[in-house]
Amino acid sequence: MLRMGLTGGIGAGKSTVAKELVELGAVIVDSDVVAREIVAPGSEGLAELVDAFGEDILQPDGTLDRPALAAKAFASEDARAVLNAITHPRVGRRTAELAAAAPDDAVVVQDIPLLVEGGMAPAFHLVAVVHADEAERIRRLVELRGMPEADARARIAAQATEEQRREVADVWLDNTGDQQVLVEQVRTLWNDRLVPFEKNLRTGVVVEADPVLVPAREEWHRQAQRLVARLALAAGGAAKRIDHVGSTAVPGLAAVDVIDLQITVGDLAAADALAPALAAAGFPRIEHVVTDDPKPSYGAGGETDPAVWEMRLHGSADPGRPARVAVRVDGWPAQQFALLLRDWLSAVDTAKREYADLKADAAAEASQKTDPAEAAATYAALKAPWFDRAHHRAWEWAESTGWSA
């Protein structure tokens, strides 16, 4: 199943998004509903809250007086930490139970107001953030929910900032204006990304990208960091390090819009063992690729031995974010060269310009091919001789600068 986290600040409009997704066919797990369930009368959660905050957070019938609890819990950082320690683990366990009960081909959307604050983003295949300007959110809370303005501002101030949400957002849904515009954004997200992503994930299909160069984009770095976080969670202790490599990691360099990442592991057995976890996280194995193209030997060592150029390759199942994930052995030539090439091109403008010109020529030649696979193969083949020469030049630069991985 595909799991998407849905979040946004209070008053942003998550309920509108969730309602539309349900109508489209998603399975919604609402953390607010779960949060009420775990503090129902007679529950252990409610008993702990009373112990922590006092009997006056209860209504006469024994149910939780949520405004009374909020007034105490949001009065200080320490009080909020106590609230979170009581409720978050229980919400997490119950949410996991509900998600696990969904069909294998479901798109499960978990509505989590504090997803960012709880550091939960890497656990999802995608994160969607519903956004509205703060002034609009305050207006909604005051006029539509009857919340005192001071309380509305305090609740907003206690949540993640817009920048913090942007850091984790694979999808940004703007709900500042007409609500119908938001609905159309959700429908596009469902049809163009969520449905095909779920199918690709279930069937192990990797998204292919046309070898078309686009100007360098600032968001590549942020997108790569989100993918790194997901890979780190999936790989666990098997990953010695995970790096953003390739052209999208070089500032100012035009590139095919595919994020290249490298997971460094201890040996090939560890690389093979990671395959199921990476596939479940949205990165299926590309079975036919088992080695990098060996480069001419530089200095002493066994760089020309084909065995030390072996690797494992995964791709992204997400049609909205093509990626390639190379799993390479620590210290082997290709693992080192991926890091070196990124840093050399970033540091040496003449090399970067030379490579950019080559890429432009190769992309122009590849664009003449009508078959996507043939176009990709042409693009790669035209660049290969340059990499053989660049291998020596980059290592010479490394020696002269004292570079280390």
Protein backbone atom coordinates (compact mmCIF):
# COMPACT_ATOMS: atom_id res chain seq x y z
CA MET A 1 0.00 0.00 0.00
CA LEU A 2 0.98 3.62 -0.48
CA ARG A 3 1.15 5.72 2.67
CA MET A 4 0.90 9.50 2.49
CA GLY A 5 1.16 11.80 5.47
CA LEU A 6 -1.21 14.77 5.38
CA THR A 7 -0.48 17.74 7.59
CA GLY A 8 -0.76 21.50 7.91
CA GLY A 9 -1.24 24.17 10.51
CA ILE A 10 -4.44 24.53 12.46
CA GLY A 11 -7.05 26.19 10.26
CA ALA A 12 -5.21 25.39 7.03
CA GLY A 13 -7.93 23.11 5.64
CA LYS A 14 -6.78 19.52 6.08
CA SER A 15 -10.36 18.36 6.58
CA THR A 16 -11.33 19.64 3.12
CA VAL A 17 -8.44 17.75 1.56
CA ALA A 18 -9.21 14.59 3.54
CA LYS A 19 -12.88 14.70 2.54
CA GLU A 20 -11.99 14.97 -1.15
CA LEU A 21 -9.46 12.14 -0.90
CA VAL A 22 -12.07 9.87 0.69
CA GLU A 23 -14.44 10.58 -2.19
CA LEU A 24 -11.66 9.71 -4.63
CA GLY A 25 -11.02 6.39 -2.92
CA ALA A 26 -8.35 6.92 -0.28
CA VAL A 27 -8.39 5.28 3.13
CA ILE A 28 -8.14 8.05 5.71
CA VAL A 29 -6.68 7.54 9.16
CA ASP A 30 -7.48 10.71 11.08
CA SER A 31 -5.17 11.34 14.01
CA ASP A 32 -7.69 13.69 15.62
CA VAL A 33 -10.26 10.89 15.69
CA VAL A 34 -7.64 8.51 17.07
CA ALA A 35 -6.60 11.15 19.61
CA ARG A 36 -10.17 11.33 20.92
CA GLU A 37 -10.40 7.54 21.04
CA ILE A 38 -7.29 7.11 23.18
CA VAL A 39 -8.60 9.54 25.84
CA ALA A 40 -12.17 8.26 25.97
CA PRO A 41 -13.72 7.79 29.44
CA GLY A 42 -12.19 4.80 31.18
CA SER A 43 -9.04 4.80 29.06
CA GLU A 44 -5.52 4.71 30.44
CA GLY A 45 -4.71 7.78 28.38
CA LEU A 46 -7.38 9.87 30.08
CA ALA A 47 -6.29 8.66 33.51
CA GLU A 48 -2.70 9.76 32.83
CA LEU A 49 -3.86 13.17 31.63
CA VAL A 50 -5.85 13.69 34.83
CA ASP A 51 -2.84 12.69 36.92
CA ALA A 52 -0.67 15.17 35.01
CA PHE A 53 -3.02 18.15 34.64
CA GLY A 54 -5.68 17.76 37.34
CA GLU A 55 -9.34 16.81 37.71
CA ASP A 56 -10.47 20.14 36.29
CA ILE A 57 -9.71 18.97 32.73
CA LEU A 58 -12.79 16.74 33.02
CA GLN A 59 -16.36 17.70 32.25
CA PRO A 60 -19.13 16.78 34.70
CA ASP A 61 -19.91 13.60 32.72
CA GLY A 62 -16.30 12.41 32.98
CA THR A 63 -15.31 13.17 29.40
CA LEU A 64 -12.26 15.24 28.56
CA ASP A 65 -12.76 19.00 28.50
CA ARG A 66 -10.47 19.66 25.57
CA PRO A 67 -10.39 23.48 25.85
CA ALA A 68 -9.49 23.16 29.52
CA LEU A 69 -6.70 20.74 28.69
CA ALA A 70 -5.46 22.96 25.87
CA ALA A 71 -5.33 25.99 28.17
CA LYS A 72 -2.99 24.10 30.49
CA ALA A 73 -1.02 22.07 27.95
CA PHE A 74 -0.20 24.98 25.68
CA ALA A 75 0.77 27.31 28.52
CA SER A 76 4.43 26.25 28.39
CA GLU A 77 6.90 24.07 26.52
CA ASP A 78 7.18 21.71 29.51
CA ALA A 79 3.42 21.26 29.75
CA ARG A 80 3.15 20.55 26.04
CA ALA A 81 5.95 18.00 26.32
CA VAL A 82 4.01 16.18 29.06
CA LEU A 83 0.89 16.13 26.88
CA ASN A 84 2.81 14.77 23.92
CA ALA A 85 4.52 12.08 25.98
CA ILE A 86 1.14 10.77 27.11
CA THR A 87 -0.75 10.98 23.83
CA HIS A 88 1.72 10.55 20.97
CA PRO A 89 2.78 6.93 21.64
CA ARG A 90 -0.85 5.85 22.00
CA VAL A 91 -1.89 7.68 18.84
CA GLY A 92 1.02 6.13 16.98
CA ARG A 93 0.18 2.57 17.98
CA ARG A 94 -3.53 2.91 17.16
CA THR A 95 -2.77 4.66 13.86
CA ALA A 96 -0.43 1.84 12.84
CA GLU A 97 -3.15 -0.71 13.60
CA LEU A 98 -5.69 1.11 11.40
CA ALA A 99 -3.23 1.57 8.52
CA ALA A 100 -2.21 -2.09 8.62
CA ALA A 101 -5.84 -3.12 8.24
CA ALA A 102 -6.18 -1.36 4.86
CA PRO A 103 -6.13 -3.41 1.60
CA ASP A 104 -2.78 -4.09 -0.04
CA ASP A 105 -3.63 -1.82 -2.99
CA ALA A 106 -4.92 1.05 -0.87
CA VAL A 107 -3.76 4.63 -0.79
CA VAL A 108 -3.67 5.26 2.96
CA VAL A 109 -3.66 8.92 3.96
CA GLN A 110 -2.76 9.63 7.57
CA ASP A 111 -4.05 13.02 8.71
CA ILE A 112 -1.51 14.10 11.34
CA PRO A 113 -1.57 17.72 12.54
CA LEU A 114 1.84 17.46 14.25
CA LEU A 115 3.59 15.32 11.64
CA VAL A 116 6.42 17.83 11.23
CA GLU A 117 6.80 18.46 14.94
CA GLY A 118 6.97 14.73 15.60
CA GLY A 119 9.64 14.10 12.95
CA MET A 120 7.42 11.52 11.25
CA ALA A 121 7.89 12.57 7.60
CA PRO A 122 10.47 9.90 6.63
CA ALA A 123 8.00 7.14 7.52
CA PHE A 124 5.75 8.01 4.57
CA HIS A 125 6.12 7.53 0.83
CA LEU A 126 4.91 11.10 0.42
CA VAL A 127 4.04 14.04 2.62
CA ALA A 128 1.39 16.57 1.58
CA VAL A 129 1.14 19.90 3.38
CA VAL A 130 -2.02 22.00 3.28
CA HIS A 131 -1.09 25.67 3.55
CA ALA A 132 -2.95 28.88 4.20
CA ASP A 133 -1.55 32.27 5.19
CA GLU A 134 -1.49 32.89 8.94
CA ALA A 135 -3.92 35.80 8.74
CA GLU A 136 -6.43 33.63 6.91
CA ARG A 137 -6.01 30.80 9.41
CA ILE A 138 -6.63 33.16 12.32
CA ARG A 139 -9.74 34.49 10.60
CA ARG A 140 -11.10 30.97 10.15
CA LEU A 141 -10.37 29.97 13.73
CA VAL A 142 -12.01 33.09 15.14
CA GLU A 143 -14.98 33.46 12.78
CA LEU A 144 -15.76 29.84 11.96
CA ARG A 145 -14.72 28.02 15.13
CA GLY A 146 -15.38 30.74 17.67
CA MET A 147 -11.87 30.56 19.10
CA PRO A 148 -10.55 33.63 20.94
CA GLU A 149 -7.92 35.35 18.79
CA ALA A 150 -5.28 35.08 21.51
CA ASP A 151 -5.83 31.32 21.70
CA ALA A 152 -5.69 31.02 17.91
CA ARG A 153 -2.36 32.85 17.79
CA ALA A 154 -0.98 30.73 20.64
CA ARG A 155 -1.94 27.49 18.90
CA ILE A 156 -0.34 28.62 15.65
CA ALA A 157 2.82 29.77 17.42
CA ALA A 158 3.15 26.36 19.10
CA GLN A 159 3.15 24.53 15.76
CA ALA A 160 5.80 24.18 13.04
CA THR A 161 6.71 27.17 10.91
CA GLU A 162 5.99 27.41 7.20
CA GLU A 163 9.68 26.85 6.44
CA GLN A 164 9.76 23.71 8.57
CA ARG A 165 6.75 22.35 6.69
CA ARG A 166 8.32 23.16 3.34
CA GLU A 167 11.36 21.11 4.32
CA VAL A 168 9.26 17.91 4.45
CA ALA A 169 6.59 18.69 1.83
CA ASP A 170 6.63 16.56 -1.31
CA VAL A 171 3.29 18.15 -2.17
CA TRP A 172 2.26 21.71 -1.30
CA LEU A 173 -1.50 22.34 -1.41
CA ASP A 174 -2.36 26.04 -1.23
CA ASN A 175 -5.68 26.76 0.46
CA THR A 176 -5.44 30.52 0.89
CA GLY A 177 -7.94 31.30 -1.84
CA ASP A 178 -10.97 29.65 -3.45
CA GLN A 179 -11.72 26.24 -1.95
CA GLN A 180 -12.55 24.83 -5.39
CA VAL A 181 -8.96 25.53 -6.43
CA LEU A 182 -7.83 23.35 -3.53
CA VAL A 183 -10.19 20.58 -4.60
CA GLU A 184 -8.77 20.64 -8.11
CA GLN A 185 -5.24 20.41 -6.70
CA VAL A 186 -6.27 17.31 -4.75
CA ARG A 187 -7.84 15.65 -7.77
CA THR A 188 -4.72 16.28 -9.83
CA LEU A 189 -2.57 14.87 -7.05
CA TRP A 190 -4.74 11.75 -6.87
CA ASN A 191 -4.87 11.05 -10.61
CA ASP A 192 -1.37 12.06 -11.65
CA ARG A 193 0.67 10.93 -8.68
CA LEU A 194 -1.00 8.88 -5.95
CA VAL A 195 -2.76 6.30 -8.12
CA PRO A 196 0.22 5.58 -10.42
CA PHE A 197 2.63 5.68 -7.47
CA GLU A 198 0.62 3.03 -5.63
CA LYS A 199 0.54 0.79 -8.72
CA ASN A 200 4.27 1.22 -9.33
CA LEU A 201 5.00 0.47 -5.69
CA ARG A 202 2.89 -2.68 -5.74
CA THR A 203 4.28 -3.97 -9.03
CA GLY A 204 7.90 -2.90 -8.60
CA VAL A 205 7.94 -0.46 -11.52
CA VAL A 206 10.64 2.21 -11.69
CA VAL A 207 9.80 5.61 -13.14
CA GLU A 208 11.88 6.52 -16.19
CA ALA A 209 12.72 10.10 -17.08
CA ASP A 210 13.43 11.45 -20.55
CA PRO A 211 17.06 12.64 -20.97
CA VAL A 212 16.03 16.28 -21.23
CA LEU A 213 18.26 18.86 -19.57
CA VAL A 214 16.65 21.48 -17.36
CA PRO A 215 18.33 24.44 -15.62
CA ALA A 216 19.60 23.84 -12.10
CA ARG A 217 16.82 24.00 -9.52
CA GLU A 218 17.17 25.09 -5.92
CA GLU A 219 14.60 22.51 -4.81
CA TRP A 220 16.78 19.59 -5.88
CA HIS A 221 18.77 19.80 -2.64
CA ARG A 222 15.65 19.86 -0.50
CA GLN A 223 14.07 17.00 -2.44
CA ALA A 224 17.24 14.96 -2.11
CA GLN A 225 17.32 15.46 1.66
CA ARG A 226 13.76 14.15 1.94
CA LEU A 227 14.71 11.05 -0.03
CA VAL A 228 17.86 10.60 2.06
CA ALA A 229 15.74 10.63 5.23
CA ARG A 230 13.42 7.94 3.83
CA LEU A 231 16.33 5.81 2.70
CA ALA A 232 18.02 6.18 6.07
CA LEU A 233 14.91 4.93 7.85
CA ALA A 234 14.58 2.00 5.44
CA ALA A 235 18.27 1.06 5.51
CA GLY A 236 18.81 1.45 9.22
CA GLY A 237 22.24 0.50 10.47
CA ALA A 238 23.22 -1.14 7.18
CA ALA A 239 23.90 2.29 5.65
CA LYS A 240 27.27 3.73 6.55
CA ARG A 241 26.28 6.98 4.85
CA ILE A 242 23.77 8.24 2.29
CA ASP A 243 24.73 11.05 -0.08
CA HIS A 244 23.22 13.22 -2.77
CA VAL A 245 25.48 12.73 -5.79
CA GLY A 246 25.29 13.25 -9.55
CA SER A 247 24.53 16.38 -11.50
CA THR A 248 21.61 17.56 -9.35
CA ALA A 249 24.05 17.75 -6.41
CA VAL A 250 26.32 20.22 -8.24
CA PRO A 251 25.17 23.84 -7.73
CA GLY A 252 24.36 25.64 -10.97
CA LEU A 253 24.69 22.60 -13.24
CA ALA A 254 21.90 21.82 -15.69
CA ALA A 255 20.76 18.22 -15.39
CA VAL A 256 18.19 15.64 -16.29
CA ASP A 257 15.55 15.96 -13.58
CA VAL A 258 16.52 12.77 -11.73
CA ILE A 259 17.88 12.83 -8.19
CA ASP A 260 20.96 10.59 -7.83
CA LEU A 261 21.67 9.17 -4.38
CA GLN A 262 24.28 6.79 -3.04
CA ILE A 263 23.94 4.42 -0.11
CA THR A 264 27.31 3.23 1.19
CA VAL A 265 27.33 -0.25 2.73
CA GLY A 266 29.93 -2.64 4.09
CA ASP A 267 29.71 -5.29 1.38
CA LEU A 268 27.55 -6.57 -1.48
CA ALA A 269 25.70 -8.95 0.81
CA ALA A 270 24.47 -5.93 2.75
CA ALA A 271 23.46 -4.26 -0.51
CA ASP A 272 21.42 -7.31 -1.54
CA ALA A 273 19.82 -7.59 1.89
CA LEU A 274 18.54 -4.02 1.63
CA ALA A 275 16.49 -4.69 -1.52
CA PRO A 276 13.14 -5.56 0.15
CA ALA A 277 13.25 -2.62 2.56
CA LEU A 278 14.16 -0.16 -0.19
CA ALA A 279 11.40 -1.49 -2.43
CA ALA A 280 8.85 -1.11 0.36
CA ALA A 281 10.03 2.47 0.89
CA GLY A 282 9.33 3.28 -2.77
CA PHE A 283 12.64 2.36 -4.43
CA PRO A 284 12.36 -0.93 -6.39
CA ARG A 285 15.48 -2.77 -7.51
CA ILE A 286 16.64 -2.40 -11.12
CA GLU A 287 17.67 -6.02 -11.46
CA HIS A 288 19.68 -5.93 -14.68
CA VAL A 289 22.17 -3.31 -13.44
CA VAL A 290 24.81 -4.92 -11.23
CA THR A 291 27.98 -2.96 -12.01
CA ASP A 292 29.30 0.47 -12.79
CA ASP A 293 31.39 1.07 -15.89
CA PRO A 294 35.01 0.52 -14.72
CA LYS A 295 37.26 3.54 -15.17
CA PRO A 296 40.96 3.44 -16.10
CA SER A 297 43.17 2.77 -13.10
CA TYR A 298 44.58 5.81 -11.33
CA GLY A 299 47.60 5.14 -9.14
CA ALA A 300 48.10 1.98 -7.15
CA GLY A 301 45.24 -0.37 -6.38
CA GLY A 302 42.76 -2.66 -8.04
CA GLU A 303 40.46 -0.14 -9.66
CA THR A 304 40.44 -2.03 -12.96
CA ASP A 305 39.28 -5.29 -11.33
CA PRO A 306 35.64 -5.61 -12.49
CA ALA A 307 34.67 -7.19 -9.16
CA VAL A 308 35.27 -3.97 -7.24
CA TRP A 309 33.00 -2.02 -9.59
CA GLU A 310 29.95 -4.10 -8.70
CA MET A 311 26.96 -2.31 -7.17
CA ARG A 312 23.19 -2.52 -6.88
CA LEU A 313 20.78 0.00 -8.37
CA HIS A 314 17.29 1.06 -7.34
CA GLY A 315 14.91 3.59 -8.83
CA SER A 316 11.92 5.59 -7.67
CA ALA A 317 8.35 4.39 -8.07
CA ASP A 318 7.09 7.95 -7.60
CA PRO A 319 6.07 9.55 -10.92
CA GLY A 320 6.43 12.95 -9.32
CA ARG A 321 10.06 12.51 -8.29
CA PRO A 322 12.29 10.29 -10.47
CA ALA A 323 15.41 9.14 -8.67
CA ARG A 324 18.23 6.60 -8.86
CA VAL A 325 19.74 5.02 -5.76
CA ALA A 326 23.12 3.33 -6.17
CA VAL A 327 24.12 1.00 -3.34
CA ARG A 328 27.90 0.75 -3.32
CA VAL A 329 30.56 -0.77 -1.08
CA ASP A 330 32.54 1.52 1.17
CA GLY A 331 35.95 2.37 -0.31
CA TRP A 332 35.37 0.75 -3.70
CA PRO A 333 36.28 2.89 -6.72
CA ALA A 334 32.79 3.85 -7.87
CA GLN A 335 31.69 4.73 -4.33
CA GLN A 336 34.66 7.08 -4.00
CA PHE A 337 34.35 8.50 -7.51
CA ALA A 338 30.67 9.43 -7.07
CA LEU A 339 31.60 11.64 -4.13
CA LEU A 340 34.75 12.97 -5.76
CA LEU A 341 33.05 13.87 -9.04
CA ARG A 342 30.36 15.86 -7.23
CA ASP A 343 32.90 17.81 -5.21
CA TRP A 344 35.32 18.34 -8.13
CA LEU A 345 32.61 19.71 -10.40
CA SER A 346 31.32 21.91 -7.59
CA ALA A 347 34.79 23.35 -6.98
CA VAL A 348 36.25 23.65 -10.49
CA ASP A 349 34.21 25.90 -12.78
CA THR A 350 36.09 24.95 -15.96
CA ALA A 351 35.32 21.27 -15.41
CA LYS A 352 31.68 22.06 -14.68
CA ARG A 353 31.31 24.15 -17.84
CA GLU A 354 33.00 21.46 -19.92
CA TYR A 355 30.68 18.80 -18.54
CA ALA A 356 27.65 21.04 -19.04
CA ASP A 357 28.52 21.51 -22.73
CA LEU A 358 28.95 17.76 -23.15
CA LYS A 359 25.61 17.06 -21.52
CA ALA A 360 23.88 19.58 -23.76
CA ASP A 361 25.31 17.96 -26.90
CA ALA A 362 24.45 14.47 -25.67
CA ALA A 363 20.91 15.49 -24.78
CA ALA A 364 20.41 17.07 -28.19
CA GLU A 365 21.56 13.85 -29.88
CA ALA A 366 19.38 11.71 -27.61
CA SER A 367 16.34 13.85 -28.38
CA GLN A 368 16.43 12.56 -31.97
CA LYS A 369 15.55 9.07 -30.76
CA THR A 370 11.87 8.22 -30.58
CA ASP A 371 12.24 5.27 -28.23
CA PRO A 372 12.78 6.44 -24.61
CA ALA A 373 15.08 3.54 -23.76
CA GLU A 374 17.19 4.20 -26.84
CA ALA A 375 17.32 7.91 -26.02
CA ALA A 376 18.55 7.18 -22.49
CA ALA A 377 21.15 4.72 -23.76
CA THR A 378 22.39 7.24 -26.33
CA TYR A 379 22.70 9.96 -23.72
CA ALA A 380 24.71 7.69 -21.40
CA ALA A 381 26.95 6.35 -24.18
CA LEU A 382 27.89 9.81 -25.42
CA LYS A 383 29.01 10.85 -21.94
CA ALA A 384 30.99 7.71 -21.12
CA PRO A 385 34.35 8.64 -22.75
CA TRP A 386 34.41 11.94 -20.89
CA PHE A 387 34.08 10.15 -17.56
CA ASP A 388 37.15 8.04 -18.35
CA ARG A 389 39.21 11.22 -18.75
CA ALA A 390 37.52 12.98 -15.86
CA HIS A 391 38.42 10.10 -13.55
CA HIS A 392 42.12 10.94 -13.75
CA ARG A 393 41.63 14.69 -13.65
CA ALA A 394 39.37 14.53 -10.61
CA TRP A 395 41.83 12.37 -8.69
CA GLU A 396 44.68 14.72 -9.58
CA TRP A 397 42.58 17.55 -8.13
CA ALA A 398 41.88 15.42 -5.04
CA GLU A 399 45.59 14.88 -4.46
CA SER A 400 46.43 18.55 -4.94
CA THR A 401 43.72 19.75 -2.54
CA GLY A 402 43.83 17.02 0.08
CA TRP A 403 40.24 16.03 -0.68
CA SER A 404 38.74 13.12 1.23
CA ALA A 405 35.35 11.49 0.98
